[in-house]
Protein backbone atom coordinates (compact mmCIF):
# COMPACT_ATOMS: atom_id res chain seq x y z
CA UNK A 1 144.04 86.50 -71.20
CA UNK A 2 146.28 83.49 -71.85
CA UNK A 3 145.76 81.59 -75.08
CA UNK A 4 145.00 77.89 -74.81
CA UNK A 5 147.49 75.71 -76.64
CA UNK A 6 147.17 72.39 -78.42
CA UNK A 7 148.92 69.40 -76.90
CA UNK A 8 151.67 68.92 -79.45
CA UNK A 9 152.96 65.58 -78.20
CA UNK A 10 150.75 62.55 -79.03
CA UNK A 11 152.22 60.60 -76.14
CA UNK A 12 151.03 63.32 -73.75
CA UNK A 13 147.51 63.11 -75.20
CA UNK A 14 147.50 59.36 -74.53
CA UNK A 15 148.80 59.98 -71.01
CA UNK A 16 146.06 62.54 -70.39
CA UNK A 17 143.32 60.09 -71.37
CA UNK A 18 144.95 57.12 -69.67
CA UNK A 19 145.21 59.12 -66.44
CA UNK A 20 141.48 58.53 -66.00
CA UNK A 21 141.31 55.12 -67.66
CA UNK A 22 143.79 53.74 -65.12
CA UNK A 23 141.67 55.14 -62.30
CA UNK A 24 138.49 53.58 -63.66
CA UNK A 25 136.96 57.02 -64.32
CA UNK A 26 135.61 56.10 -67.73
CA UNK A 27 133.40 59.18 -68.21
CA UNK A 28 136.45 61.43 -67.83
CA UNK A 29 138.49 59.18 -70.11
CA UNK A 30 135.71 59.34 -72.70
CA UNK A 31 135.53 63.14 -72.38
CA UNK A 32 139.19 63.46 -73.33
CA UNK A 33 139.08 60.84 -76.09
CA UNK A 34 136.00 62.43 -77.70
CA UNK A 35 137.48 65.90 -77.31
CA UNK A 36 140.63 65.09 -79.26
CA UNK A 37 138.99 62.76 -81.79
CA UNK A 38 135.91 64.79 -82.75
CA UNK A 39 137.15 68.41 -82.62
CA UNK A 40 133.91 69.43 -80.95
CA UNK A 41 133.79 72.51 -78.77
CA UNK A 42 133.33 71.59 -75.12
CA UNK A 43 129.87 73.18 -75.12
CA UNK A 44 128.79 70.84 -77.94
CA UNK A 45 130.47 67.80 -76.42
CA UNK A 46 128.73 68.33 -73.08
CA UNK A 47 125.33 68.58 -74.78
CA UNK A 48 125.68 65.12 -76.38
CA UNK A 49 123.21 62.52 -75.21
CA UNK A 50 123.45 58.76 -75.40
CA UNK A 51 120.75 58.82 -78.08
CA UNK A 52 123.18 60.81 -80.26
CA UNK A 53 125.96 58.22 -80.13
CA UNK A 54 124.20 54.95 -79.37
CA UNK A 55 121.81 53.04 -81.63
CA UNK A 56 119.36 51.45 -79.20
CA UNK A 57 117.71 49.38 -81.94
CA UNK A 58 120.94 47.57 -82.86
CA UNK A 59 122.65 47.97 -79.46
CA UNK A 60 125.84 49.51 -80.76
CA UNK A 61 127.75 52.77 -80.95
CA UNK A 62 126.93 54.79 -84.04
CA UNK A 63 129.52 55.45 -86.75
CA UNK A 64 128.79 59.15 -86.72
CA UNK A 65 126.92 61.82 -84.82
CA UNK A 66 124.99 64.83 -86.08
CA UNK A 67 125.80 67.94 -84.06
CA UNK A 68 124.22 71.36 -84.29
CA UNK A 69 126.94 73.67 -83.06
CA UNK A 70 125.81 75.92 -80.26
CA UNK A 71 128.15 78.74 -81.34
CA UNK A 72 127.42 78.78 -85.07
CA UNK A 73 124.03 77.10 -85.31
CA UNK A 74 125.43 74.96 -88.13
CA UNK A 75 124.77 71.23 -88.24
CA UNK A 76 127.60 68.91 -89.10
CA UNK A 77 128.19 65.19 -89.20
CA UNK A 78 131.14 63.99 -87.12
CA UNK A 79 132.47 60.54 -87.95
CA UNK A 80 133.49 58.57 -84.89
CA UNK A 81 136.84 56.90 -85.43
CA UNK A 82 137.89 53.57 -83.95
CA UNK A 83 139.32 55.13 -80.77
CA UNK A 84 136.15 57.16 -80.11
CA UNK A 85 133.93 54.11 -80.69
CA UNK A 86 136.09 52.01 -78.35
CA UNK A 87 135.93 54.65 -75.61
CA UNK A 88 132.15 54.99 -75.98
CA UNK A 89 131.72 51.20 -75.98
CA UNK A 90 133.72 50.91 -72.77
CA UNK A 91 131.72 53.73 -71.22
CA UNK A 92 128.42 52.12 -72.27
CA UNK A 93 129.37 48.96 -70.36
CA UNK A 94 129.98 51.05 -67.22
CA UNK A 95 126.51 52.60 -67.06
CA UNK A 96 123.52 50.36 -66.44
CA UNK A 97 121.10 52.09 -68.81
CA UNK A 98 122.86 54.52 -71.13
CA UNK A 99 120.20 57.20 -71.41
CA UNK A 100 120.33 60.95 -70.96
CA UNK A 101 123.45 63.07 -71.14
CA UNK A 102 126.68 61.39 -72.18
CA UNK A 103 128.86 63.39 -69.79
CA UNK A 104 126.46 63.09 -66.89
CA UNK A 105 126.82 64.38 -63.36
CA UNK A 106 125.77 61.33 -61.35
CA UNK A 107 124.15 63.40 -58.59
CA UNK A 108 122.08 65.78 -60.73
CA UNK A 109 121.59 63.57 -63.82
CA UNK A 110 122.39 66.67 -65.89
CA UNK A 111 125.43 67.21 -68.07
CA UNK A 112 128.59 68.14 -66.22
CA UNK A 113 129.34 71.85 -66.39
CA UNK A 114 132.06 73.49 -68.46
CA UNK A 115 133.81 74.30 -65.18
CA UNK A 116 133.76 70.63 -64.16
CA UNK A 117 135.08 69.61 -67.59
CA UNK A 118 137.88 72.17 -67.19
CA UNK A 119 138.73 70.79 -63.73
CA UNK A 120 138.86 67.25 -65.10
CA UNK A 121 141.29 68.22 -67.85
CA UNK A 122 143.39 70.56 -65.67
CA UNK A 123 143.69 67.99 -62.86
CA UNK A 124 145.11 65.38 -65.20
CA UNK A 125 147.37 67.93 -66.96
CA UNK A 126 148.76 69.15 -63.64
CA UNK A 127 149.24 65.62 -62.28
CA UNK A 128 151.15 64.73 -65.46
CA UNK A 129 153.13 68.01 -65.40
CA UNK A 130 152.06 68.90 -68.94
CA UNK A 131 153.63 72.14 -70.11
CA UNK A 132 151.67 74.99 -71.65
CA UNK A 133 148.17 76.32 -71.15
CA UNK A 134 146.03 73.17 -71.24
CA UNK A 135 142.25 73.52 -70.97
CA UNK A 136 139.09 72.10 -72.55
CA UNK A 137 139.83 73.94 -75.78
CA UNK A 138 143.24 72.24 -75.96
CA UNK A 139 141.46 69.05 -76.97
CA UNK A 140 139.87 70.67 -80.02
CA UNK A 141 143.07 72.51 -80.91
CA UNK A 142 145.08 69.28 -80.56
CA UNK A 143 142.82 67.63 -83.14
CA UNK A 144 143.57 70.42 -85.63
CA UNK A 145 147.28 70.56 -84.85
CA UNK A 146 147.79 66.81 -85.32
CA UNK A 147 145.60 66.73 -88.44
CA UNK A 148 147.80 69.48 -89.89
CA UNK A 149 150.99 67.63 -88.87
CA UNK A 150 149.61 64.49 -90.58
CA UNK A 151 149.32 66.44 -93.84
CA UNK A 152 145.62 67.36 -93.82
CA UNK A 153 145.04 70.53 -95.80
CA UNK A 154 144.40 73.59 -93.62
CA UNK A 155 141.38 74.26 -95.83
CA UNK A 156 139.83 70.95 -94.75
CA UNK A 157 140.65 71.68 -91.10
CA UNK A 158 139.02 75.09 -91.56
CA UNK A 159 135.83 73.36 -92.77
CA UNK A 160 135.86 70.90 -89.87
CA UNK A 161 136.20 73.76 -87.40
CA UNK A 162 133.63 75.92 -89.25
CA UNK A 163 136.09 78.81 -89.24
CA UNK A 164 135.30 81.87 -91.32
CA UNK A 165 138.77 82.13 -92.86
CA UNK A 166 142.04 80.29 -93.34
CA UNK A 167 143.77 83.02 -91.29
CA UNK A 168 141.67 82.07 -88.26
CA UNK A 169 142.59 78.41 -88.71
CA UNK A 170 146.31 79.20 -89.05
CA UNK A 171 146.27 81.10 -85.73
CA UNK A 172 144.20 78.35 -84.17
CA UNK A 173 146.68 75.60 -85.05
CA UNK A 174 149.33 77.18 -82.86
CA UNK A 175 152.22 76.62 -85.24
CA UNK A 176 155.38 77.00 -83.17
CA UNK A 177 158.95 77.88 -84.07
CA UNK A 178 159.81 74.20 -83.61
CA UNK A 179 157.27 73.33 -86.33
CA UNK A 180 158.84 75.89 -88.65
CA UNK A 181 162.35 74.64 -87.87
CA UNK A 182 161.24 71.09 -88.70
CA UNK A 183 160.25 72.20 -92.22
CA UNK A 184 163.61 73.89 -92.80
CA UNK A 185 165.47 70.78 -91.67
CA UNK A 186 163.22 68.42 -93.63
CA UNK A 187 163.86 69.93 -97.05
CA UNK A 188 167.07 69.00 -98.82
CA UNK A 189 167.44 69.95 -102.49
CA UNK A 190 171.03 68.80 -102.99
CA UNK A 191 171.84 65.46 -104.53
């Protein structure tokens, strides 16, 4: 089985999301934005409901969301950054009454399936000619990869991902030879 890879180029992540934004497909845009900005597994992302992200009393997007992970059963608080809040706000203006599942199938009123989420991501990746094995899990892995590149401790990333060990997180980040080469070229101990 092929291993899903993170999207290592930030510009390509923006292109992936904007692919749907430019087409007015805001749900799909929001799916990608939330995927890369929350590090949620696709199964947890698809289970989100508007009540989880929207405060109906104050008519605004929440600052964070409590998620009980389907895989681990652990509950965690995910802070929604500015980009995630903007995407959700835009999406909320597109739906008349934001109730029910966030990533809703318009016909069935249920959450879209994992297969549909995969097709959404793959269609955009193929249209943009993105290299590598891009799938739903690429969004989560991209979060970790870019957090690591920004200097976030792998131990913190491990906690965010609820991994059992640092070794799992290291494999998960998909560190490439280019990343290793960059470190060698960055360091210069001569005067």
